Amino acid sequence: MSESADEERRWTEALDAEGVTAVRRAVGRSRAVPPGLIRIGQTWVAQSFAKAWLDCHESHKISHRRKILLLGMAVAVIVFVVGSLLAWR
């Protein structure tokens, strides 16, 4: 299915407005029907586009969690080093 840039933008705006939970629910309900257009909110969206949108949001969430974990580890190392230096004096 070939979508135009305007259609993809409209679909993305509609999916963003509905939110991840609503889109996930709509995609889950649509698994019984053949691939094609599914209704999300007031908009008909290609099922494959909605699934790709969900995958993108999930990968961003995982990436964000990794950044938070790395930041927490960096802070812990800095605290350990500073504490060690203060205790050494």
C-alpha atoms as a PDB file:
ATOM      1  CA  MET A   1       0.000   0.000   0.000  1.00  0.00           C
ATOM      2  CA  SER A   2       1.541   3.308  -1.071  1.00  0.00           C
ATOM      3  CA  GLU A   3       0.592   6.281   1.052  1.00  0.00           C
ATOM      4  CA  SER A   4       1.224   9.903   0.172  1.00  0.00           C
ATOM      5  CA  ALA A   5       3.215  12.135   2.515  1.00  0.00           C
ATOM      6  CA  ASP A   6       0.050  14.120   3.308  1.00  0.00           C
ATOM      7  CA  GLU A   7      -1.859  10.961   4.155  1.00  0.00           C
ATOM      8  CA  GLU A   8       0.960   9.697   6.372  1.00  0.00           C
ATOM      9  CA  ARG A   9       1.093  13.061   8.151  1.00  0.00           C
ATOM     10  CA  ARG A  10      -2.675  12.984   8.686  1.00  0.00           C
ATOM     11  CA  TRP A  11      -2.475   9.410   9.989  1.00  0.00           C
ATOM     12  CA  THR A  12       0.421  10.263  12.316  1.00  0.00           C
ATOM     13  CA  GLU A  13      -1.495  13.238  13.717  1.00  0.00           C
ATOM     14  CA  ALA A  14      -4.573  11.065  14.246  1.00  0.00           C
ATOM     15  CA  LEU A  15      -2.566   8.335  15.986  1.00  0.00           C
ATOM     16  CA  ASP A  16      -0.742  10.872  18.162  1.00  0.00           C
ATOM     17  CA  ALA A  17      -4.089  12.398  19.151  1.00  0.00           C
ATOM     18  CA  GLU A  18      -5.534   8.995  20.123  1.00  0.00           C
ATOM     19  CA  GLY A  19      -2.457   7.837  22.033  1.00  0.00           C
ATOM     20  CA  VAL A  20      -0.541   4.583  22.274  1.00  0.00           C
ATOM     21  CA  THR A  21      -3.098   2.753  24.430  1.00  0.00           C
ATOM     22  CA  ALA A  22      -6.025   3.439  22.090  1.00  0.00           C
ATOM     23  CA  VAL A  23      -3.994   2.565  18.984  1.00  0.00           C
ATOM     24  CA  ARG A  24      -2.729  -0.668  20.572  1.00  0.00           C
ATOM     25  CA  ARG A  25      -6.326  -1.597  21.450  1.00  0.00           C
ATOM     26  CA  ALA A  26      -7.554  -0.870  17.903  1.00  0.00           C
ATOM     27  CA  VAL A  27      -4.740  -2.867  16.323  1.00  0.00           C
ATOM     28  CA  GLY A  28      -5.406  -5.739  18.729  1.00  0.00           C
ATOM     29  CA  ARG A  29      -9.090  -5.804  17.790  1.00  0.00           C
ATOM     30  CA  SER A  30      -8.220  -5.729  14.088  1.00  0.00           C
ATOM     31  CA  ARG A  31      -6.173  -8.922  14.104  1.00  0.00           C
ATOM     32  CA  ALA A  32      -9.275 -10.927  13.276  1.00  0.00           C
ATOM     33  CA  VAL A  33      -9.875  -9.003  10.052  1.00  0.00           C
ATOM     34  CA  PRO A  34      -7.668  -9.081   6.968  1.00  0.00           C
ATOM     35  CA  PRO A  35      -4.945  -6.427   6.689  1.00  0.00           C
ATOM     36  CA  GLY A  36      -6.117  -3.110   5.377  1.00  0.00           C
ATOM     37  CA  LEU A  37      -7.674  -0.028   6.882  1.00  0.00           C
ATOM     38  CA  ILE A  38      -8.711   0.053  10.532  1.00  0.00           C
ATOM     39  CA  ARG A  39     -10.614   2.736  12.347  1.00  0.00           C
ATOM     40  CA  ILE A  40      -8.740   4.573  15.061  1.00  0.00           C
ATOM     41  CA  GLY A  41     -10.757   7.381  16.556  1.00  0.00           C
ATOM     42  CA  GLN A  42     -12.422   9.168  13.681  1.00  0.00           C
ATOM     43  CA  THR A  43      -9.776   8.194  11.115  1.00  0.00           C
ATOM     44  CA  TRP A  44      -9.241   5.146   8.938  1.00  0.00           C
ATOM     45  CA  VAL A  45      -5.562   4.164   8.977  1.00  0.00           C
ATOM     46  CA  ALA A  46      -3.647   1.382   7.247  1.00  0.00           C
ATOM     47  CA  GLN A  47      -3.142  -1.422   9.768  1.00  0.00           C
ATOM     48  CA  SER A  48       0.512  -1.763   8.738  1.00  0.00           C
ATOM     49  CA  PHE A  49       1.067   1.973   9.335  1.00  0.00           C
ATOM     50  CA  ALA A  50      -0.516   1.775  12.802  1.00  0.00           C
ATOM     51  CA  LYS A  51       1.678  -1.220  13.693  1.00  0.00           C
ATOM     52  CA  ALA A  52       4.804   0.607  12.484  1.00  0.00           C
ATOM     53  CA  TRP A  53       3.762   3.679  14.515  1.00  0.00           C
ATOM     54  CA  LEU A  54       3.424   1.505  17.634  1.00  0.00           C
ATOM     55  CA  ASP A  55       6.827  -0.107  16.986  1.00  0.00           C
ATOM     56  CA  CYS A  56       8.396   3.341  16.662  1.00  0.00           C
ATOM     57  CA  HIS A  57       6.866   4.489  19.958  1.00  0.00           C
ATOM     58  CA  GLU A  58       8.028   1.315  21.694  1.00  0.00           C
ATOM     59  CA  SER A  59      11.601   1.719  20.434  1.00  0.00           C
ATOM     60  CA  HIS A  60      11.640   5.335  21.657  1.00  0.00           C
ATOM     61  CA  LYS A  61      10.433   4.187  25.081  1.00  0.00           C
ATOM     62  CA  ILE A  62      13.170   1.542  25.270  1.00  0.00           C
ATOM     63  CA  SER A  63      15.786   4.071  24.148  1.00  0.00           C
ATOM     64  CA  HIS A  64      14.605   6.541  26.800  1.00  0.00           C
ATOM     65  CA  ARG A  65      14.813   3.872  29.499  1.00  0.00           C
ATOM     66  CA  ARG A  66      18.372   3.015  28.437  1.00  0.00           C
ATOM     67  CA  LYS A  67      19.391   6.666  28.667  1.00  0.00           C
ATOM     68  CA  ILE A  68      17.915   6.938  32.166  1.00  0.00           C
ATOM     69  CA  LEU A  69      19.692   3.740  33.230  1.00  0.00           C
ATOM     70  CA  LEU A  70      23.031   4.957  31.853  1.00  0.00           C
ATOM     71  CA  LEU A  71      22.588   8.335  33.535  1.00  0.00           C
ATOM     72  CA  GLY A  72      21.813   6.637  36.847  1.00  0.00           C
ATOM     73  CA  MET A  73      24.897   4.448  36.525  1.00  0.00           C
ATOM     74  CA  ALA A  74      27.066   7.482  35.699  1.00  0.00           C
ATOM     75  CA  VAL A  75      25.765   9.344  38.751  1.00  0.00           C
ATOM     76  CA  ALA A  76      26.442   6.301  40.950  1.00  0.00           C
ATOM     77  CA  VAL A  77      30.036   6.078  39.659  1.00  0.00           C
ATOM     78  CA  ILE A  78      30.593   9.807  40.241  1.00  0.00           C
ATOM     79  CA  VAL A  79      29.189   9.572  43.772  1.00  0.00           C
ATOM     80  CA  PHE A  80      31.412   6.567  44.479  1.00  0.00           C
ATOM     81  CA  VAL A  81      34.529   8.300  43.142  1.00  0.00           C
ATOM     82  CA  VAL A  82      33.850  11.551  45.013  1.00  0.00           C
ATOM     83  CA  GLY A  83      33.060   9.609  48.199  1.00  0.00           C
ATOM     84  CA  SER A  84      36.263   7.624  47.851  1.00  0.00           C
ATOM     85  CA  LEU A  85      38.311  10.788  47.311  1.00  0.00           C
ATOM     86  CA  LEU A  86      36.755  12.475  50.337  1.00  0.00           C
ATOM     87  CA  ALA A  87      37.350   9.408  52.499  1.00  0.00           C
ATOM     88  CA  TRP A  88      40.960   9.120  51.288  1.00  0.00           C
ATOM     89  CA  ARG A  89      41.854  12.610  52.556  1.00  0.00           C
END
